[in-house]
Amino acid sequence: MYLTKEEERALSGEYGAALQKAYEILVALGEVMDAERLVPIKSAQIAGVSYKNIGDAGLELLNDFASMGAKVKALSTLNPAGMDLERWREMGIEEKFARKQLEIIQAFRRMGVRTTCTCTPYLIGNKPEFGSHVAWSESSAVAFANSILGARTNREGGISALAAAVAGKTPLMGFHLPENRAPKIEVQVKVVVDSVMKASLLGYVVGELSSGEVPLVKGRICASIECLKAFSAAAATSGGLALFHIEGVTAEALKRKKITTTHKERVQVDEEEIRQCLERLSARGEVDLVAIGCPHCTLEEILELARALKGRRVRRDCRFWVFTSREVYSKAAEKGYVKIIEEAGGMVFSDTCMVVAPLDSLGIKRVATNSAKAAHYVPSTIGAEAVLTETTSCIEMALG
């Protein structure tokens, strides 16, 4: 892989141990993937934040990197942590866990990372322009950045995204190259997708059908940011998709007058595929937790929940938890939406979500959600069954 003289000096350690370590990681990745060179990035989204996921080994690595003097050179935001950084006691988080989690956050702060703790950085200021190179981790954010925004990123791991942030560069490979972004399979959608839950289910099915190839999706699909982030999260969950195109909706499909697949493979999604997917992901029965916000809620979604809950009351034997970024939380609190939800017996948490928080110790048996991603992960992360349903049905289950 070609390196400039400046990059060679950094790799040799001339500019310090931290930058040397970052370049060692990036060059190793680039050489394995036959990258021609490094390319400057506009931003990074860094995963590997929850203490539940990275443990003491991850904490030690971050502290070591920070102690070397590592500082990010590009706008860098952070994925969700394992708890609300301020209201962790109200979540039932143990103090030992909280101490470790706060230490992780402090390590990132020392490196200059914005500790946003959200999987929707595009809602809080990290919104790259069309065609810009970025280094993002977190599967749903990667799919959204590539597909909806038209930025260019591979599906980075937490460490490679951090290394790219410190170096300000990433290997020019994978989805950074235009020839790898063309769709390879066409998906004809024969159902009307007009809600977040349906968009989430469709994303999950498309992910499965695409078998890792970039799909071109055609059909009547809701183009709201809420539906598109739900689709992105589910497609990334079931099929590991980092990029998809939706005709007339996503960035590159809109930029080009006509976008076509490079192969002739076509598949179809109808009501039966959607129904079967729902049956696979969803259990039945009374729930003891309703969890909305995977990916994190927009302000509009929190308003919708507040309107539905105003003047009503969540039943005592059920938790109603909403997850969002701290920035969106602040706006929702200012407008009175948080107060309405919490007066009804719900809770609005920031910085975390039901997938990365250590909720397995709370004795939760069954979780209702409108997110196919959450329904996929809840059995393994919480040890509970998932009930996947529309947002309105989630609310009614909580109210009893």
Protein backbone atom coordinates (compact mmCIF):
# COMPACT_ATOMS: atom_id res chain seq x y z
CA MET A 1 0.00 0.00 0.00
CA TYR A 2 1.35 3.38 -1.01
CA LEU A 3 2.11 5.78 1.87
CA THR A 4 3.16 9.40 1.62
CA LYS A 5 6.39 10.49 3.31
CA GLU A 6 4.30 12.01 6.10
CA GLU A 7 2.40 8.74 6.59
CA GLU A 8 5.65 6.78 6.63
CA ARG A 9 6.97 9.03 9.39
CA ALA A 10 3.81 8.50 11.41
CA LEU A 11 4.06 4.73 10.93
CA SER A 12 7.69 4.77 12.07
CA GLY A 13 6.74 6.49 15.33
CA GLU A 14 8.21 9.90 14.55
CA TYR A 15 4.98 11.61 15.67
CA GLY A 16 4.39 9.56 18.79
CA ALA A 17 3.28 6.12 19.90
CA ALA A 18 -0.46 6.78 19.60
CA LEU A 19 -0.35 7.87 15.96
CA GLN A 20 2.05 5.02 15.20
CA LYS A 21 -0.42 2.51 16.69
CA ALA A 22 -3.28 4.00 14.66
CA TYR A 23 -1.28 3.74 11.43
CA GLU A 24 -0.21 0.18 12.22
CA ILE A 25 -3.88 -0.83 12.49
CA LEU A 26 -4.90 0.98 9.30
CA VAL A 27 -1.95 -0.23 7.22
CA ALA A 28 -2.50 -3.83 8.34
CA LEU A 29 -6.16 -3.62 7.29
CA GLY A 30 -5.30 -1.93 4.03
CA GLU A 31 -2.68 -4.48 3.06
CA VAL A 32 -4.99 -7.41 3.81
CA MET A 33 -7.68 -5.85 1.58
CA ASP A 34 -5.25 -4.66 -1.15
CA ALA A 35 -6.03 -0.99 -0.57
CA GLU A 36 -4.10 1.31 -2.91
CA ARG A 37 -3.62 4.08 -0.32
CA LEU A 38 -5.15 5.92 2.60
CA VAL A 39 -7.82 8.58 2.13
CA PRO A 40 -8.72 11.48 4.48
CA ILE A 41 -12.01 11.15 6.38
CA LYS A 42 -14.57 13.77 7.37
CA SER A 43 -15.83 11.96 10.48
CA ALA A 44 -15.83 8.78 12.54
CA GLN A 45 -18.55 6.95 14.48
CA ILE A 46 -16.93 4.74 17.11
CA ALA A 47 -18.50 1.57 18.54
CA GLY A 48 -17.26 -0.65 21.36
CA VAL A 49 -18.54 1.62 24.13
CA SER A 50 -20.73 -0.47 26.42
CA TYR A 51 -18.85 -2.09 29.29
CA LYS A 52 -21.19 -5.05 28.83
CA ASN A 53 -19.66 -5.62 25.37
CA ILE A 54 -15.97 -4.73 25.78
CA GLY A 55 -15.35 -5.63 29.43
CA ASP A 56 -12.11 -4.98 31.31
CA ALA A 57 -9.92 -5.88 28.33
CA GLY A 58 -11.56 -3.21 26.19
CA LEU A 59 -11.36 -0.66 28.99
CA GLU A 60 -7.65 -1.35 29.43
CA LEU A 61 -7.03 -0.95 25.69
CA LEU A 62 -8.82 2.43 25.62
CA ASN A 63 -6.96 3.67 28.69
CA ASP A 64 -3.65 2.60 27.16
CA PHE A 65 -4.44 4.39 23.89
CA ALA A 66 -5.50 7.55 25.73
CA SER A 67 -2.36 7.41 27.91
CA MET A 68 -0.20 7.36 24.77
CA GLY A 69 -1.64 10.80 23.98
CA ALA A 70 -4.05 9.72 21.26
CA LYS A 71 -6.16 12.61 19.91
CA VAL A 72 -8.75 12.39 17.14
CA LYS A 73 -8.18 14.48 14.00
CA ALA A 74 -11.70 14.23 12.59
CA LEU A 75 -15.16 14.83 14.05
CA SER A 76 -15.73 11.70 16.13
CA THR A 77 -18.94 10.59 17.79
CA LEU A 78 -19.67 7.67 20.06
CA ASN A 79 -22.02 4.70 19.98
CA PRO A 80 -24.45 3.94 22.86
CA ALA A 81 -23.04 3.05 26.26
CA GLY A 82 -24.36 0.35 28.57
CA MET A 83 -26.49 2.77 30.63
CA ASP A 84 -27.94 6.25 30.85
CA LEU A 85 -24.89 8.16 32.05
CA GLU A 86 -26.98 10.25 34.45
CA ARG A 87 -30.00 8.09 35.35
CA TRP A 88 -28.36 4.67 35.53
CA ARG A 89 -29.72 4.00 39.01
CA GLU A 90 -33.27 4.36 37.67
CA MET A 91 -32.46 1.68 35.10
CA GLY A 92 -31.43 -0.73 37.86
CA ILE A 93 -27.74 -0.68 36.87
CA GLU A 94 -25.28 -1.85 39.52
CA GLU A 95 -22.74 0.66 40.83
CA LYS A 96 -19.74 -1.50 39.89
CA PHE A 97 -20.89 -1.60 36.26
CA ALA A 98 -21.56 2.16 36.32
CA ARG A 99 -18.05 2.95 37.55
CA LYS A 100 -16.48 0.92 34.75
CA GLN A 101 -18.80 2.44 32.16
CA LEU A 102 -17.98 6.00 33.24
CA GLU A 103 -14.28 5.17 33.05
CA ILE A 104 -14.76 4.09 29.42
CA ILE A 105 -16.48 7.37 28.63
CA GLN A 106 -13.67 9.32 30.28
CA ALA A 107 -11.06 7.50 28.18
CA PHE A 108 -12.86 8.55 24.99
CA ARG A 109 -13.14 12.13 26.26
CA ARG A 110 -9.38 12.24 26.84
CA MET A 111 -8.93 11.40 23.16
CA GLY A 112 -11.23 14.22 22.03
CA VAL A 113 -14.18 12.04 21.03
CA ARG A 114 -17.62 13.63 21.40
CA THR A 115 -19.31 11.30 23.90
CA THR A 116 -22.67 11.47 22.16
CA CYS A 117 -23.52 7.83 22.94
CA THR A 118 -26.02 7.36 20.14
CA CYS A 119 -26.48 5.04 17.16
CA THR A 120 -28.04 7.94 15.21
CA PRO A 121 -25.15 10.42 14.90
CA TYR A 122 -26.78 11.88 11.78
CA LEU A 123 -29.51 13.32 14.04
CA ILE A 124 -27.10 15.20 16.29
CA GLY A 125 -24.59 16.89 13.97
CA ASN A 126 -22.45 14.11 12.46
CA LYS A 127 -24.16 14.07 9.06
CA PRO A 128 -21.62 13.58 6.27
CA GLU A 129 -22.19 15.01 2.81
CA PHE A 130 -22.82 12.95 -0.31
CA GLY A 131 -19.63 11.30 -1.55
CA SER A 132 -17.56 12.14 1.53
CA HIS A 133 -15.28 9.48 3.04
CA VAL A 134 -15.98 8.55 6.67
CA ALA A 135 -15.04 5.72 9.04
CA TRP A 136 -18.18 4.56 10.82
CA SER A 137 -18.89 1.55 12.98
CA GLU A 138 -22.32 0.49 14.36
CA SER A 139 -24.18 -1.48 11.74
CA SER A 140 -27.35 0.62 11.42
CA ALA A 141 -25.41 3.90 11.28
CA VAL A 142 -23.11 2.49 8.58
CA ALA A 143 -26.06 1.41 6.43
CA PHE A 144 -27.75 4.79 6.90
CA ALA A 145 -24.59 6.77 6.08
CA ASN A 146 -23.85 4.78 2.92
CA SER A 147 -27.39 4.41 1.67
CA ILE A 148 -29.51 7.34 2.81
CA LEU A 149 -26.78 10.01 2.93
CA GLY A 150 -24.56 8.68 0.13
CA ALA A 151 -21.38 8.95 2.20
CA ARG A 152 -18.68 6.29 1.80
CA THR A 153 -17.70 3.97 4.62
CA ASN A 154 -16.96 0.35 5.26
CA ARG A 155 -18.49 -1.48 8.19
CA GLU A 156 -15.71 -0.60 10.62
CA GLY A 157 -15.03 -2.22 13.97
CA GLY A 158 -14.70 -0.04 17.03
CA ILE A 159 -10.89 -0.21 17.02
CA SER A 160 -10.47 0.50 13.29
CA ALA A 161 -12.89 3.45 13.51
CA LEU A 162 -10.94 4.84 16.47
CA ALA A 163 -7.64 4.36 14.62
CA ALA A 164 -9.08 6.17 11.59
CA ALA A 165 -10.27 9.01 13.83
CA VAL A 166 -6.78 9.39 15.36
CA ALA A 167 -5.03 9.25 11.97
CA GLY A 168 -7.74 11.24 10.18
CA LYS A 169 -7.59 8.66 7.39
CA THR A 170 -8.85 5.23 6.36
CA PRO A 171 -7.80 2.67 3.72
CA LEU A 172 -9.27 3.30 0.26
CA MET A 173 -11.09 0.00 -0.21
CA GLY A 174 -14.53 -1.62 -0.17
CA PHE A 175 -17.40 0.86 -0.26
CA HIS A 176 -15.01 3.79 -0.58
CA LEU A 177 -14.62 2.71 -4.23
CA PRO A 178 -17.48 3.57 -6.65
CA GLU A 179 -17.28 0.24 -8.47
CA ASN A 180 -18.15 -1.64 -5.27
CA ARG A 181 -21.29 0.42 -4.63
CA ALA A 182 -23.31 -0.74 -7.64
CA PRO A 183 -26.33 -2.95 -6.84
CA LYS A 184 -25.97 -6.63 -7.64
CA ILE A 185 -29.51 -7.87 -6.96
CA GLU A 186 -32.97 -6.39 -7.56
CA VAL A 187 -35.69 -6.75 -4.93
CA GLN A 188 -39.26 -6.12 -6.08
CA VAL A 189 -41.49 -5.22 -3.10
CA LYS A 190 -45.14 -6.15 -3.61
CA VAL A 191 -46.41 -4.80 -0.26
CA VAL A 192 -47.10 -1.24 0.85
CA VAL A 193 -44.62 -0.23 3.55
CA ASP A 194 -46.18 2.63 5.48
CA SER A 195 -44.97 2.32 9.08
CA VAL A 196 -41.76 2.00 11.07
CA MET A 197 -42.48 -1.61 12.00
CA LYS A 198 -43.24 -2.62 8.39
CA ALA A 199 -40.09 -0.83 7.19
CA SER A 200 -38.15 -2.70 9.84
CA LEU A 201 -39.61 -6.06 8.75
CA LEU A 202 -38.94 -5.32 5.09
CA GLY A 203 -35.34 -4.37 5.90
CA TYR A 204 -34.88 -7.66 7.73
CA VAL A 205 -36.27 -9.66 4.77
CA VAL A 206 -34.19 -7.72 2.23
CA GLY A 207 -31.09 -8.33 4.32
CA GLU A 208 -31.75 -12.08 4.32
CA LEU A 209 -32.53 -12.23 0.59
CA SER A 210 -29.52 -10.18 -0.49
CA SER A 211 -26.95 -12.66 0.88
CA GLY A 212 -24.42 -9.89 1.43
CA GLU A 213 -24.82 -8.35 -2.05
CA VAL A 214 -25.82 -4.71 -2.53
CA PRO A 215 -29.57 -4.68 -3.36
CA LEU A 216 -31.67 -2.30 -5.43
CA VAL A 217 -35.11 -2.19 -3.80
CA LYS A 218 -38.19 -1.19 -5.82
CA GLY A 219 -41.65 -0.58 -4.39
CA ARG A 220 -43.90 1.71 -2.35
CA ILE A 221 -41.73 2.31 0.72
CA CYS A 222 -42.20 5.06 3.30
CA ALA A 223 -39.35 7.56 2.91
CA SER A 224 -39.53 9.23 6.33
CA ILE A 225 -36.29 9.33 8.31
CA GLU A 226 -37.96 7.12 10.93
CA CYS A 227 -38.77 4.39 8.40
CA LEU A 228 -35.38 4.63 6.70
CA LYS A 229 -33.40 4.29 9.92
CA ALA A 230 -35.56 1.28 10.87
CA PHE A 231 -34.98 -0.32 7.45
CA SER A 232 -31.21 0.34 7.72
CA ALA A 233 -30.96 -1.23 11.17
CA ALA A 234 -32.88 -4.37 10.22
CA ALA A 235 -31.08 -4.93 6.90
CA ALA A 236 -27.74 -4.60 8.68
CA THR A 237 -28.88 -7.05 11.37
CA SER A 238 -30.15 -9.90 9.22
CA GLY A 239 -27.80 -9.66 6.25
CA GLY A 240 -24.88 -7.56 7.39
CA LEU A 241 -25.78 -5.00 4.71
CA ALA A 242 -23.66 -1.85 4.75
CA LEU A 243 -25.25 -0.41 1.60
CA PHE A 244 -28.56 -0.66 -0.23
CA HIS A 245 -30.38 1.43 -2.80
CA ILE A 246 -34.12 2.20 -2.83
CA GLU A 247 -35.38 3.46 -6.17
CA GLY A 248 -36.43 7.11 -5.94
CA VAL A 249 -35.47 7.36 -2.26
CA THR A 250 -31.82 6.78 -1.33
CA ALA A 251 -28.98 9.15 -2.18
CA GLU A 252 -27.33 7.46 -5.15
CA ALA A 253 -30.65 6.31 -6.59
CA LEU A 254 -31.74 9.97 -6.61
CA LYS A 255 -28.45 11.33 -7.97
CA ARG A 256 -28.48 9.07 -11.00
CA LYS A 257 -31.27 9.28 -13.55
CA LYS A 258 -31.35 5.50 -13.68
CA ILE A 259 -29.74 2.98 -11.34
CA THR A 260 -29.58 -0.64 -12.46
CA THR A 261 -28.14 -3.87 -11.13
CA THR A 262 -24.94 -5.31 -12.57
CA HIS A 263 -26.44 -8.82 -12.48
CA LYS A 264 -29.83 -10.04 -13.64
CA GLU A 265 -30.85 -11.69 -10.36
CA ARG A 266 -34.30 -10.56 -9.18
CA VAL A 267 -36.26 -11.57 -6.10
CA GLN A 268 -39.70 -10.60 -4.86
CA VAL A 269 -41.09 -9.76 -1.42
CA ASP A 270 -44.81 -10.16 -0.85
CA GLU A 271 -47.14 -10.32 2.15
CA GLU A 272 -46.26 -13.96 2.81
CA GLU A 273 -42.51 -13.25 3.24
CA ILE A 274 -43.33 -10.39 5.60
CA ARG A 275 -45.76 -12.56 7.60
CA GLN A 276 -43.27 -15.40 7.91
CA CYS A 277 -40.54 -13.02 9.07
CA LEU A 278 -42.84 -11.59 11.73
CA GLU A 279 -43.66 -15.09 12.98
CA ARG A 280 -39.96 -15.97 13.25
CA LEU A 281 -39.09 -12.83 15.20
CA SER A 282 -42.15 -12.44 17.41
CA ALA A 283 -43.51 -14.36 20.38
CA ARG A 284 -46.98 -13.91 21.92
CA GLY A 285 -48.24 -13.15 25.38
CA GLU A 286 -48.24 -10.41 27.99
CA VAL A 287 -45.12 -8.27 28.15
CA ASP A 288 -43.30 -6.79 31.13
CA LEU A 289 -41.17 -4.32 29.16
CA VAL A 290 -42.05 -2.12 26.20
CA ALA A 291 -38.85 -0.79 24.59
CA ILE A 292 -38.97 1.83 21.84
CA GLY A 293 -35.84 3.36 20.32
CA CYS A 294 -33.70 0.87 18.39
CA PRO A 295 -32.23 2.81 16.62
CA HIS A 296 -32.61 5.84 18.89
CA CYS A 297 -35.87 7.76 18.61
CA THR A 298 -36.22 10.98 16.66
CA LEU A 299 -37.98 13.96 18.22
CA GLU A 300 -41.03 13.17 16.07
CA GLU A 301 -41.23 9.63 17.44
CA ILE A 302 -41.10 10.88 21.03
CA LEU A 303 -43.88 13.36 20.22
CA GLU A 304 -45.96 10.48 18.82
CA LEU A 305 -45.48 8.51 22.05
CA ALA A 306 -46.33 11.53 24.21
CA ARG A 307 -49.56 12.14 22.30
CA ALA A 308 -50.60 8.50 22.69
CA LEU A 309 -49.81 8.40 26.42
CA LYS A 310 -51.18 11.78 27.48
CA GLY A 311 -53.68 11.36 30.31
CA ARG A 312 -53.21 7.58 30.44
CA ARG A 313 -51.27 5.25 32.72
CA VAL A 314 -48.83 2.38 32.13
CA ARG A 315 -49.79 -0.69 34.15
CA ARG A 316 -47.75 -1.26 37.30
CA ASP A 317 -46.33 -4.61 36.28
CA CYS A 318 -44.87 -3.29 33.00
CA ARG A 319 -41.95 -0.98 32.25
CA PHE A 320 -42.30 1.46 29.33
CA TRP A 321 -38.83 2.61 28.26
CA VAL A 322 -37.93 4.98 25.44
CA PHE A 323 -34.33 5.35 24.22
CA THR A 324 -32.86 8.37 22.43
CA SER A 325 -29.76 10.52 22.17
CA ARG A 326 -29.09 13.09 24.89
CA GLU A 327 -29.47 15.92 22.40
CA VAL A 328 -32.90 14.74 21.25
CA TYR A 329 -33.83 14.06 24.89
CA SER A 330 -33.04 17.69 25.76
CA LYS A 331 -35.28 18.96 22.95
CA ALA A 332 -38.07 16.57 23.95
CA ALA A 333 -37.80 17.64 27.59
CA GLU A 334 -37.91 21.30 26.60
CA LYS A 335 -41.11 20.75 24.63
CA GLY A 336 -42.73 18.80 27.49
CA TYR A 337 -42.82 15.41 25.76
CA VAL A 338 -40.64 13.68 28.36
CA LYS A 339 -42.84 14.94 31.18
CA ILE A 340 -45.98 13.55 29.53
CA ILE A 341 -44.40 10.12 29.01
CA GLU A 342 -43.04 9.95 32.54
CA GLU A 343 -46.30 11.20 34.10
CA ALA A 344 -47.90 8.20 32.38
CA GLY A 345 -45.43 5.90 34.11
CA GLY A 346 -42.86 5.57 31.33
CA MET A 347 -39.16 6.48 31.32
CA VAL A 348 -37.10 8.23 28.66
CA PHE A 349 -33.42 7.27 28.75
CA SER A 350 -30.41 8.65 26.88
CA ASP A 351 -26.98 7.25 25.99
CA THR A 352 -28.02 3.58 25.81
CA CYS A 353 -30.55 1.08 24.46
CA MET A 354 -32.11 -2.30 25.20
CA VAL A 355 -29.46 -4.13 23.14
CA VAL A 356 -26.27 -2.90 24.87
CA ALA A 357 -27.52 -2.33 28.45
CA PRO A 358 -27.15 -5.17 31.01
CA LEU A 359 -30.88 -5.75 31.38
CA ASP A 360 -30.54 -9.52 31.73
CA SER A 361 -30.36 -9.13 35.53
CA LEU A 362 -33.79 -7.45 35.78
CA GLY A 363 -35.84 -10.63 35.36
CA ILE A 364 -37.60 -9.43 32.21
CA LYS A 365 -39.54 -12.23 30.53
CA ARG A 366 -41.05 -10.67 27.41
CA VAL A 367 -40.31 -7.39 25.55
CA ALA A 368 -42.57 -5.58 23.09
CA THR A 369 -40.83 -3.49 20.44
CA ASN A 370 -41.45 -2.01 16.98
CA SER A 371 -37.86 -2.82 15.89
CA ALA A 372 -36.85 -5.99 14.04
CA LYS A 373 -33.25 -5.34 15.13
CA ALA A 374 -34.30 -5.29 18.79
CA ALA A 375 -36.50 -8.37 18.32
CA HIS A 376 -33.49 -10.18 16.80
CA TYR A 377 -31.14 -9.34 19.68
CA VAL A 378 -33.41 -9.33 22.76
CA PRO A 379 -33.40 -13.14 23.22
CA SER A 380 -29.57 -13.27 23.32
CA THR A 381 -28.83 -9.96 25.11
CA ILE A 382 -31.64 -9.91 27.69
CA GLY A 383 -32.63 -13.57 27.73
CA ALA A 384 -36.25 -12.61 27.09
CA GLU A 385 -38.77 -13.27 24.35
CA ALA A 386 -39.56 -10.47 21.91
CA VAL A 387 -42.96 -9.36 20.66
CA LEU A 388 -42.56 -7.39 17.42
CA THR A 389 -45.52 -5.18 16.66
CA GLU A 390 -46.65 -1.70 15.59
CA THR A 391 -45.89 1.26 17.86
CA THR A 392 -49.57 1.72 18.71
CA SER A 393 -49.83 -1.94 19.76
CA CYS A 394 -46.70 -1.58 21.92
CA ILE A 395 -48.42 1.29 23.75
CA GLU A 396 -51.64 -0.64 24.24
CA MET A 397 -49.71 -3.61 25.67
CA ALA A 398 -48.09 -1.31 28.21
CA LEU A 399 -51.43 0.20 29.18
CA GLY A 400 -53.16 -3.16 29.47
